[in-house]
């Protein structure tokens, strides 16, 4: 599974079954929620000097008496480990400081004492520092915590708005299409209120995910743009629900959510038929 950090400083690959979880502002946390095999954290820091990463490695080797120089894949690292007890259980945290150019990276892997660190080393081997100003192709990755937060905020806003205006609950099911449409057509929101229209689009996306099996939230990295989108069955079918409604509204075009739902469902069915035909051939 591929991960690209917000802002595009680095990318890495983590094991299937692992997910990103909310952590501190400067750290990204990954682990398997079903079968815990360790917590992997990564933080990245940008310095002004071109050799900032090397300086950080050298500083760690000099100042940390238990650190040593190791190589993980192509990465020269300052490695150290510390063991601690929590609620009667002993754990070990393995720490690697590495990086490239002006990007310093610190990785840590916390496991039960005595467990192997090879899972973390596999992730570190996949690490890539992305070059600023490089024109990378569009990439679709599993939805990040950042975009999950955006979807949740939009969901809560639409839910509160529908409750306030129509005294009805928003459950992100097909029946809610009519309620969103009523709010959109009520005249309460002006064309320039972009955030409101994008929130309606996100809520529409939540309905698509709940009503269409195989439709999932993903994160799209496209140049400087990073946004939540929908992908059907890991195919080339991608939807940007926030833009779907906003693009129509700003052009003062009608937006019929039921018609859009039917159109998207037809497209998804066509994709599914194509996938089934490929499997048979």
C-alpha atoms as a PDB file:
ATOM      1  CA  UNK A   1       0.000   0.000   0.000  1.00  0.00           C
ATOM      2  CA  UNK A   2       1.453   3.370  -0.999  1.00  0.00           C
ATOM      3  CA  UNK A   3       1.487   6.508   1.125  1.00  0.00           C
ATOM      4  CA  UNK A   4       2.471  10.016   0.050  1.00  0.00           C
ATOM      5  CA  UNK A   5       2.858  12.554   2.835  1.00  0.00           C
ATOM      6  CA  UNK A   6       0.800  15.763   2.833  1.00  0.00           C
ATOM      7  CA  UNK A   7       2.783  18.298   0.867  1.00  0.00           C
ATOM      8  CA  UNK A   8       4.516  15.505  -1.016  1.00  0.00           C
ATOM      9  CA  UNK A   9       7.789  15.433   0.944  1.00  0.00           C
ATOM     10  CA  UNK A  10       8.110  11.649   0.885  1.00  0.00           C
ATOM     11  CA  UNK A  11       6.417   8.413  -0.107  1.00  0.00           C
ATOM     12  CA  UNK A  12       6.603   4.893   1.271  1.00  0.00           C
ATOM     13  CA  UNK A  13       4.914   1.508   1.018  1.00  0.00           C
ATOM     14  CA  UNK A  14       3.383  -0.256   4.006  1.00  0.00           C
ATOM     15  CA  UNK A  15       2.038  -3.830   4.368  1.00  0.00           C
ATOM     16  CA  UNK A  16      -1.433  -4.835   3.212  1.00  0.00           C
ATOM     17  CA  UNK A  17      -3.833  -4.745   6.145  1.00  0.00           C
ATOM     18  CA  UNK A  18      -2.080  -1.789   7.742  1.00  0.00           C
ATOM     19  CA  UNK A  19      -3.735   1.626   7.936  1.00  0.00           C
ATOM     20  CA  UNK A  20      -2.773   5.174   8.808  1.00  0.00           C
ATOM     21  CA  UNK A  21      -4.060   6.430  12.163  1.00  0.00           C
ATOM     22  CA  UNK A  22      -4.277   9.849  13.750  1.00  0.00           C
ATOM     23  CA  UNK A  23      -1.148  10.836  15.667  1.00  0.00           C
ATOM     24  CA  UNK A  24       0.732  14.011  16.542  1.00  0.00           C
ATOM     25  CA  UNK A  25       0.796  16.889  14.080  1.00  0.00           C
ATOM     26  CA  UNK A  26       4.328  16.137  12.842  1.00  0.00           C
ATOM     27  CA  UNK A  27       4.110  12.340  12.868  1.00  0.00           C
ATOM     28  CA  UNK A  28       2.347   9.732  10.729  1.00  0.00           C
ATOM     29  CA  UNK A  29       1.346   6.461  12.392  1.00  0.00           C
ATOM     30  CA  UNK A  30       0.707   3.079  10.727  1.00  0.00           C
ATOM     31  CA  UNK A  31      -0.246  -0.349  12.064  1.00  0.00           C
ATOM     32  CA  UNK A  32      -2.487  -3.367  11.509  1.00  0.00           C
ATOM     33  CA  UNK A  33      -5.637  -2.880  13.632  1.00  0.00           C
ATOM     34  CA  UNK A  34      -6.694  -6.524  13.340  1.00  0.00           C
ATOM     35  CA  UNK A  35      -3.390  -8.221  14.169  1.00  0.00           C
ATOM     36  CA  UNK A  36      -1.005  -5.873  15.918  1.00  0.00           C
ATOM     37  CA  UNK A  37       2.587  -6.413  14.858  1.00  0.00           C
ATOM     38  CA  UNK A  38       3.965  -3.015  15.851  1.00  0.00           C
ATOM     39  CA  UNK A  39       3.479   0.731  15.507  1.00  0.00           C
ATOM     40  CA  UNK A  40       5.438   2.410  12.730  1.00  0.00           C
ATOM     41  CA  UNK A  41       5.860   6.192  12.933  1.00  0.00           C
ATOM     42  CA  UNK A  42       7.577   8.525  10.529  1.00  0.00           C
ATOM     43  CA  UNK A  43       8.322  12.240  10.774  1.00  0.00           C
ATOM     44  CA  UNK A  44      10.021  14.456   8.192  1.00  0.00           C
ATOM     45  CA  UNK A  45      11.768  17.783   8.705  1.00  0.00           C
ATOM     46  CA  UNK A  46      12.992  20.253   6.100  1.00  0.00           C
ATOM     47  CA  UNK A  47      16.162  22.237   6.697  1.00  0.00           C
ATOM     48  CA  UNK A  48      17.680  25.225   4.925  1.00  0.00           C
ATOM     49  CA  UNK A  49      21.003  23.554   4.150  1.00  0.00           C
ATOM     50  CA  UNK A  50      21.328  21.199   1.192  1.00  0.00           C
ATOM     51  CA  UNK A  51      22.984  18.566   3.434  1.00  0.00           C
ATOM     52  CA  UNK A  52      20.539  18.929   6.347  1.00  0.00           C
ATOM     53  CA  UNK A  53      19.678  15.207   6.323  1.00  0.00           C
ATOM     54  CA  UNK A  54      23.353  14.208   6.617  1.00  0.00           C
ATOM     55  CA  UNK A  55      23.824  16.727   9.434  1.00  0.00           C
ATOM     56  CA  UNK A  56      20.952  15.154  11.388  1.00  0.00           C
ATOM     57  CA  UNK A  57      22.389  11.656  10.973  1.00  0.00           C
ATOM     58  CA  UNK A  58      25.832  12.848  12.033  1.00  0.00           C
ATOM     59  CA  UNK A  59      24.416  14.675  15.053  1.00  0.00           C
ATOM     60  CA  UNK A  60      22.485  11.593  16.184  1.00  0.00           C
ATOM     61  CA  UNK A  61      25.574   9.383  15.891  1.00  0.00           C
ATOM     62  CA  UNK A  62      27.630  11.884  17.861  1.00  0.00           C
ATOM     63  CA  UNK A  63      25.181  12.807  20.614  1.00  0.00           C
ATOM     64  CA  UNK A  64      23.382   9.490  21.173  1.00  0.00           C
ATOM     65  CA  UNK A  65      25.833   7.059  22.807  1.00  0.00           C
ATOM     66  CA  UNK A  66      23.702   3.992  21.935  1.00  0.00           C
ATOM     67  CA  UNK A  67      23.295   4.861  18.246  1.00  0.00           C
ATOM     68  CA  UNK A  68      25.199   3.145  15.468  1.00  0.00           C
ATOM     69  CA  UNK A  69      25.577   3.539  11.736  1.00  0.00           C
ATOM     70  CA  UNK A  70      23.541   1.033   9.705  1.00  0.00           C
ATOM     71  CA  UNK A  71      22.331   0.736   6.149  1.00  0.00           C
ATOM     72  CA  UNK A  72      18.725  -0.183   5.333  1.00  0.00           C
ATOM     73  CA  UNK A  73      18.321  -0.625   1.603  1.00  0.00           C
ATOM     74  CA  UNK A  74      19.907   2.466   0.078  1.00  0.00           C
ATOM     75  CA  UNK A  75      19.505   4.503   3.259  1.00  0.00           C
ATOM     76  CA  UNK A  76      22.406   5.323   5.566  1.00  0.00           C
ATOM     77  CA  UNK A  77      20.866   5.555   9.035  1.00  0.00           C
ATOM     78  CA  UNK A  78      21.705   6.348  12.618  1.00  0.00           C
ATOM     79  CA  UNK A  79      20.023   3.476  14.474  1.00  0.00           C
ATOM     80  CA  UNK A  80      19.223   3.080  18.163  1.00  0.00           C
ATOM     81  CA  UNK A  81      16.747   1.177  20.354  1.00  0.00           C
ATOM     82  CA  UNK A  82      15.193   1.670  23.755  1.00  0.00           C
ATOM     83  CA  UNK A  83      13.179  -0.738  25.903  1.00  0.00           C
ATOM     84  CA  UNK A  84      10.418   0.330  28.267  1.00  0.00           C
ATOM     85  CA  UNK A  85       7.564  -1.100  30.303  1.00  0.00           C
ATOM     86  CA  UNK A  86       3.916  -0.097  30.005  1.00  0.00           C
ATOM     87  CA  UNK A  87       1.093  -1.633  32.051  1.00  0.00           C
ATOM     88  CA  UNK A  88       3.305  -4.576  32.948  1.00  0.00           C
ATOM     89  CA  UNK A  89       4.342  -5.328  29.346  1.00  0.00           C
ATOM     90  CA  UNK A  90       7.816  -4.745  27.938  1.00  0.00           C
ATOM     91  CA  UNK A  91       8.246  -3.062  24.560  1.00  0.00           C
ATOM     92  CA  UNK A  92      11.169  -2.020  22.377  1.00  0.00           C
ATOM     93  CA  UNK A  93      11.197   1.062  20.166  1.00  0.00           C
ATOM     94  CA  UNK A  94      13.624   0.925  17.244  1.00  0.00           C
ATOM     95  CA  UNK A  95      14.637   4.335  15.839  1.00  0.00           C
ATOM     96  CA  UNK A  96      16.239   5.241  12.517  1.00  0.00           C
ATOM     97  CA  UNK A  97      17.357   8.738  11.502  1.00  0.00           C
ATOM     98  CA  UNK A  98      17.996   9.106   7.781  1.00  0.00           C
ATOM     99  CA  UNK A  99      16.978  11.276   4.836  1.00  0.00           C
ATOM    100  CA  UNK A 100      18.234  12.923   1.686  1.00  0.00           C
ATOM    101  CA  UNK A 101      19.267  16.456   0.754  1.00  0.00           C
ATOM    102  CA  UNK A 102      17.427  18.958   2.932  1.00  0.00           C
ATOM    103  CA  UNK A 103      14.798  16.442   4.143  1.00  0.00           C
ATOM    104  CA  UNK A 104      15.578  14.594   7.381  1.00  0.00           C
ATOM    105  CA  UNK A 105      13.421  11.599   8.268  1.00  0.00           C
ATOM    106  CA  UNK A 106      12.977   9.875  11.623  1.00  0.00           C
ATOM    107  CA  UNK A 107      11.300   6.455  11.704  1.00  0.00           C
ATOM    108  CA  UNK A 108      10.385   4.471  14.783  1.00  0.00           C
ATOM    109  CA  UNK A 109       8.933   1.002  15.237  1.00  0.00           C
ATOM    110  CA  UNK A 110       7.509  -0.076  18.584  1.00  0.00           C
ATOM    111  CA  UNK A 111       7.034  -3.817  19.108  1.00  0.00           C
ATOM    112  CA  UNK A 112       6.769  -6.253  21.975  1.00  0.00           C
ATOM    113  CA  UNK A 113      10.248  -6.848  23.426  1.00  0.00           C
ATOM    114  CA  UNK A 114      12.068  -9.536  21.458  1.00  0.00           C
ATOM    115  CA  UNK A 115       9.978  -9.149  18.293  1.00  0.00           C
ATOM    116  CA  UNK A 116      11.671  -8.629  14.932  1.00  0.00           C
ATOM    117  CA  UNK A 117      12.102  -5.196  13.334  1.00  0.00           C
ATOM    118  CA  UNK A 118      12.128  -6.506   9.748  1.00  0.00           C
ATOM    119  CA  UNK A 119       8.639  -5.131   8.952  1.00  0.00           C
ATOM    120  CA  UNK A 120       9.859  -1.609   9.645  1.00  0.00           C
ATOM    121  CA  UNK A 121      13.043  -2.135   7.657  1.00  0.00           C
ATOM    122  CA  UNK A 122      10.922  -3.199   4.685  1.00  0.00           C
ATOM    123  CA  UNK A 123       8.987   0.064   4.912  1.00  0.00           C
ATOM    124  CA  UNK A 124      12.198   2.095   5.185  1.00  0.00           C
ATOM    125  CA  UNK A 125      13.612   0.360   2.095  1.00  0.00           C
ATOM    126  CA  UNK A 126      10.583   1.630   0.135  1.00  0.00           C
ATOM    127  CA  UNK A 127      11.087   5.220   1.331  1.00  0.00           C
ATOM    128  CA  UNK A 128      11.463   7.841  -1.391  1.00  0.00           C
ATOM    129  CA  UNK A 129      12.189  11.536  -0.889  1.00  0.00           C
ATOM    130  CA  UNK A 130      10.157  13.405  -3.478  1.00  0.00           C
ATOM    131  CA  UNK A 131      11.995  16.233  -5.222  1.00  0.00           C
ATOM    132  CA  UNK A 132      10.492  19.690  -4.909  1.00  0.00           C
ATOM    133  CA  UNK A 133       9.487  21.089  -8.297  1.00  0.00           C
ATOM    134  CA  UNK A 134       9.417  17.668  -9.983  1.00  0.00           C
ATOM    135  CA  UNK A 135       6.348  17.005 -12.126  1.00  0.00           C
ATOM    136  CA  UNK A 136       5.116  13.671 -10.759  1.00  0.00           C
ATOM    137  CA  UNK A 137       2.233  11.810 -12.448  1.00  0.00           C
ATOM    138  CA  UNK A 138      -1.157  11.722 -10.746  1.00  0.00           C
ATOM    139  CA  UNK A 139      -1.319   9.066  -8.050  1.00  0.00           C
ATOM    140  CA  UNK A 140      -4.253   7.478  -6.243  1.00  0.00           C
ATOM    141  CA  UNK A 141      -3.528   6.141  -2.758  1.00  0.00           C
ATOM    142  CA  UNK A 142      -5.637   4.832   0.150  1.00  0.00           C
ATOM    143  CA  UNK A 143      -7.383   7.727   1.842  1.00  0.00           C
ATOM    144  CA  UNK A 144      -5.180   9.503   4.380  1.00  0.00           C
ATOM    145  CA  UNK A 145      -6.169  10.665   7.852  1.00  0.00           C
ATOM    146  CA  UNK A 146      -6.055  14.245   6.543  1.00  0.00           C
ATOM    147  CA  UNK A 147      -8.721  13.620   3.898  1.00  0.00           C
ATOM    148  CA  UNK A 148     -10.804  11.465   6.259  1.00  0.00           C
ATOM    149  CA  UNK A 149     -10.988  14.553   8.447  1.00  0.00           C
ATOM    150  CA  UNK A 150     -12.183  16.666   5.511  1.00  0.00           C
ATOM    151  CA  UNK A 151     -14.904  14.142   4.656  1.00  0.00           C
ATOM    152  CA  UNK A 152     -16.037  13.952   8.289  1.00  0.00           C
ATOM    153  CA  UNK A 153     -16.209  17.737   8.668  1.00  0.00           C
ATOM    154  CA  UNK A 154     -18.330  18.019   5.514  1.00  0.00           C
ATOM    155  CA  UNK A 155     -20.559  15.157   6.665  1.00  0.00           C
ATOM    156  CA  UNK A 156     -21.171  16.805  10.043  1.00  0.00           C
ATOM    157  CA  UNK A 157     -21.904  20.182   8.444  1.00  0.00           C
ATOM    158  CA  UNK A 158     -24.462  18.732   6.033  1.00  0.00           C
ATOM    159  CA  UNK A 159     -25.994  16.614   8.798  1.00  0.00           C
ATOM    160  CA  UNK A 160     -26.372  19.672  11.040  1.00  0.00           C
ATOM    161  CA  UNK A 161     -27.759  21.792   8.181  1.00  0.00           C
ATOM    162  CA  UNK A 162     -30.394  19.215   7.243  1.00  0.00           C
ATOM    163  CA  UNK A 163     -31.353  18.771  10.881  1.00  0.00           C
ATOM    164  CA  UNK A 164     -31.725  22.517  11.319  1.00  0.00           C
ATOM    165  CA  UNK A 165     -33.541  23.265   8.073  1.00  0.00           C
ATOM    166  CA  UNK A 166     -35.661  20.138   7.619  1.00  0.00           C
ATOM    167  CA  UNK A 167     -35.648  18.624  11.151  1.00  0.00           C
ATOM    168  CA  UNK A 168     -34.529  15.322   9.618  1.00  0.00           C
ATOM    169  CA  UNK A 169     -31.536  13.073  10.255  1.00  0.00           C
ATOM    170  CA  UNK A 170     -28.864  12.580   7.615  1.00  0.00           C
ATOM    171  CA  UNK A 171     -27.911   8.904   7.346  1.00  0.00           C
ATOM    172  CA  UNK A 172     -25.900   8.996   4.089  1.00  0.00           C
ATOM    173  CA  UNK A 173     -28.389   6.689   2.367  1.00  0.00           C
ATOM    174  CA  UNK A 174     -30.179   7.070  -0.970  1.00  0.00           C
ATOM    175  CA  UNK A 175     -33.265   8.594   0.674  1.00  0.00           C
ATOM    176  CA  UNK A 176     -31.121  11.565   1.719  1.00  0.00           C
ATOM    177  CA  UNK A 177     -30.658  12.642  -1.894  1.00  0.00           C
ATOM    178  CA  UNK A 178     -34.031  14.358  -1.746  1.00  0.00           C
ATOM    179  CA  UNK A 179     -33.161  16.189   1.467  1.00  0.00           C
ATOM    180  CA  UNK A 180     -29.851  17.498   0.099  1.00  0.00           C
ATOM    181  CA  UNK A 181     -31.635  18.549  -3.080  1.00  0.00           C
ATOM    182  CA  UNK A 182     -34.222  20.513  -1.085  1.00  0.00           C
ATOM    183  CA  UNK A 183     -31.506  22.403   0.777  1.00  0.00           C
ATOM    184  CA  UNK A 184     -29.591  23.073  -2.451  1.00  0.00           C
ATOM    185  CA  UNK A 185     -32.718  24.370  -4.215  1.00  0.00           C
ATOM    186  CA  UNK A 186     -33.946  26.425  -1.251  1.00  0.00           C
ATOM    187  CA  UNK A 187     -31.994  29.554  -2.166  1.00  0.00           C
ATOM    188  CA  UNK A 188     -30.381  29.709   1.271  1.00  0.00           C
ATOM    189  CA  UNK A 189     -26.914  29.374  -0.222  1.00  0.00           C
ATOM    190  CA  UNK A 190     -25.447  31.757  -2.782  1.00  0.00           C
ATOM    191  CA  UNK A 191     -23.290  30.808  -5.772  1.00  0.00           C
ATOM    192  CA  UNK A 192     -20.130  32.241  -4.184  1.00  0.00           C
ATOM    193  CA  UNK A 193     -20.421  30.018  -1.067  1.00  0.00           C
ATOM    194  CA  UNK A 194     -18.067  27.419  -2.482  1.00  0.00           C
ATOM    195  CA  UNK A 195     -17.437  25.547   0.768  1.00  0.00           C
ATOM    196  CA  UNK A 196     -21.145  24.847   1.243  1.00  0.00           C
ATOM    197  CA  UNK A 197     -21.483  23.371  -2.254  1.00  0.00           C
ATOM    198  CA  UNK A 198     -18.329  21.282  -1.814  1.00  0.00           C
ATOM    199  CA  UNK A 199     -19.690  19.996   1.499  1.00  0.00           C
ATOM    200  CA  UNK A 200     -22.886  18.932  -0.247  1.00  0.00           C
ATOM    201  CA  UNK A 201     -20.682  17.118  -2.758  1.00  0.00           C
ATOM    202  CA  UNK A 202     -18.810  15.280   0.002  1.00  0.00           C
ATOM    203  CA  UNK A 203     -22.109  14.226   1.557  1.00  0.00           C
ATOM    204  CA  UNK A 204     -23.239  12.995  -1.857  1.00  0.00           C
ATOM    205  CA  UNK A 205     -19.994  11.020  -2.016  1.00  0.00           C
ATOM    206  CA  UNK A 206     -20.774   9.389   1.343  1.00  0.00           C
ATOM    207  CA  UNK A 207     -24.115   8.251  -0.080  1.00  0.00           C
ATOM    208  CA  UNK A 208     -22.372   6.734  -3.109  1.00  0.00           C
ATOM    209  CA  UNK A 209     -19.975   4.805  -0.849  1.00  0.00           C
ATOM    210  CA  UNK A 210     -22.824   3.434   1.264  1.00  0.00           C
ATOM    211  CA  UNK A 211     -25.094   2.556  -1.651  1.00  0.00           C
ATOM    212  CA  UNK A 212     -22.607   1.180  -4.190  1.00  0.00           C
ATOM    213  CA  UNK A 213     -20.495  -1.804  -3.195  1.00  0.00           C
ATOM    214  CA  UNK A 214     -16.942  -1.344  -4.423  1.00  0.00           C
ATOM    215  CA  UNK A 215     -16.999   2.461  -4.197  1.00  0.00           C
ATOM    216  CA  UNK A 216     -14.315   3.681  -1.788  1.00  0.00           C
ATOM    217  CA  UNK A 217     -12.760   6.925  -0.614  1.00  0.00           C
ATOM    218  CA  UNK A 218      -9.187   7.494  -1.785  1.00  0.00           C
ATOM    219  CA  UNK A 219      -6.721  10.368  -1.826  1.00  0.00           C
ATOM    220  CA  UNK A 220      -5.629  11.812  -5.171  1.00  0.00           C
ATOM    221  CA  UNK A 221      -2.229  13.499  -5.474  1.00  0.00           C
ATOM    222  CA  UNK A 222      -2.180  15.643  -8.600  1.00  0.00           C
ATOM    223  CA  UNK A 223       0.620  18.199  -8.756  1.00  0.00           C
ATOM    224  CA  UNK A 224      -0.031  20.642  -5.917  1.00  0.00           C
ATOM    225  CA  UNK A 225      -3.593  19.367  -5.507  1.00  0.00           C
ATOM    226  CA  UNK A 226      -4.361  16.748  -2.843  1.00  0.00           C
ATOM    227  CA  UNK A 227      -8.008  15.869  -2.348  1.00  0.00           C
ATOM    228  CA  UNK A 228     -10.433  13.103  -1.325  1.00  0.00           C
ATOM    229  CA  UNK A 229     -12.062  11.296  -4.214  1.00  0.00           C
ATOM    230  CA  UNK A 230     -14.040   8.148  -4.952  1.00  0.00           C
ATOM    231  CA  UNK A 231     -12.699   5.133  -6.809  1.00  0.00           C
ATOM    232  CA  UNK A 232     -14.768   2.177  -7.959  1.00  0.00           C
ATOM    233  CA  UNK A 233     -13.266  -1.323  -7.615  1.00  0.00           C
ATOM    234  CA  UNK A 234      -9.687   0.050  -7.852  1.00  0.00           C
ATOM    235  CA  UNK A 235     -10.422   0.842 -11.502  1.00  0.00           C
ATOM    236  CA  UNK A 236      -9.807   3.987 -13.550  1.00  0.00           C
ATOM    237  CA  UNK A 237     -13.253   5.253 -12.521  1.00  0.00           C
ATOM    238  CA  UNK A 238     -12.515   8.250 -10.301  1.00  0.00           C
ATOM    239  CA  UNK A 239     -14.935  10.875  -9.016  1.00  0.00           C
ATOM    240  CA  UNK A 240     -14.257  14.143  -7.232  1.00  0.00           C
ATOM    241  CA  UNK A 241     -17.582  14.606  -5.412  1.00  0.00           C
ATOM    242  CA  UNK A 242     -16.687  18.020  -3.984  1.00  0.00           C
ATOM    243  CA  UNK A 243     -16.071  19.355  -7.489  1.00  0.00           C
ATOM    244  CA  UNK A 244     -19.059  17.526  -9.003  1.00  0.00           C
ATOM    245  CA  UNK A 245     -21.637  19.884  -7.484  1.00  0.00           C
ATOM    246  CA  UNK A 246     -19.464  23.005  -7.244  1.00  0.00           C
ATOM    247  CA  UNK A 247     -18.539  22.963 -10.956  1.00  0.00           C
ATOM    248  CA  UNK A 248     -22.222  22.994 -11.910  1.00  0.00           C
ATOM    249  CA  UNK A 249     -23.216  25.646  -9.386  1.00  0.00           C
ATOM    250  CA  UNK A 250     -20.471  28.120 -10.309  1.00  0.00           C
ATOM    251  CA  UNK A 251     -21.518  27.823 -13.959  1.00  0.00           C
ATOM    252  CA  UNK A 252     -25.153  28.295 -12.897  1.00  0.00           C
ATOM    253  CA  UNK A 253     -26.103  24.921 -14.312  1.00  0.00           C
ATOM    254  CA  UNK A 254     -28.822  22.700 -12.804  1.00  0.00           C
ATOM    255  CA  UNK A 255     -27.646  19.887 -10.532  1.00  0.00           C
ATOM    256  CA  UNK A 256     -30.035  16.963 -10.175  1.00  0.00           C
ATOM    257  CA  UNK A 257     -28.574  14.623  -7.552  1.00  0.00           C
ATOM    258  CA  UNK A 258     -30.886  11.719  -8.370  1.00  0.00           C
ATOM    259  CA  UNK A 259     -29.897  11.955 -12.033  1.00  0.00           C
ATOM    260  CA  UNK A 260     -26.212  12.133 -11.077  1.00  0.00           C
ATOM    261  CA  UNK A 261     -26.641   9.094  -8.831  1.00  0.00           C
ATOM    262  CA  UNK A 262     -28.200   7.096 -11.682  1.00  0.00           C
ATOM    263  CA  UNK A 263     -25.471   8.203 -14.120  1.00  0.00           C
ATOM    264  CA  UNK A 264     -22.680   7.181 -11.752  1.00  0.00           C
ATOM    265  CA  UNK A 265     -24.397   3.875 -11.019  1.00  0.00           C
ATOM    266  CA  UNK A 266     -24.560   3.122 -14.757  1.00  0.00           C
ATOM    267  CA  UNK A 267     -20.862   3.928 -15.129  1.00  0.00           C
ATOM    268  CA  UNK A 268     -20.013   1.673 -12.176  1.00  0.00           C
ATOM    269  CA  UNK A 269     -22.083  -1.176 -13.628  1.00  0.00           C
ATOM    270  CA  UNK A 270     -20.260  -0.785 -16.964  1.00  0.00           C
ATOM    271  CA  UNK A 271     -16.901  -0.957 -15.171  1.00  0.00           C
ATOM    272  CA  UNK A 272     -18.028  -4.052 -13.254  1.00  0.00           C
ATOM    273  CA  UNK A 273     -19.199  -5.768 -16.455  1.00  0.00           C
ATOM    274  CA  UNK A 274     -15.844  -5.006 -18.076  1.00  0.00           C
ATOM    275  CA  UNK A 275     -13.958  -6.462 -15.114  1.00  0.00           C
ATOM    276  CA  UNK A 276     -16.083  -9.615 -15.166  1.00  0.00           C
ATOM    277  CA  UNK A 277     -15.553 -10.033 -18.906  1.00  0.00           C
ATOM    278  CA  UNK A 278     -11.769  -9.743 -18.416  1.00  0.00           C
ATOM    279  CA  UNK A 279     -11.852 -12.447 -15.756  1.00  0.00           C
ATOM    280  CA  UNK A 280     -13.771 -14.806 -18.064  1.00  0.00           C
ATOM    281  CA  UNK A 281     -11.475 -14.255 -21.050  1.00  0.00           C
END
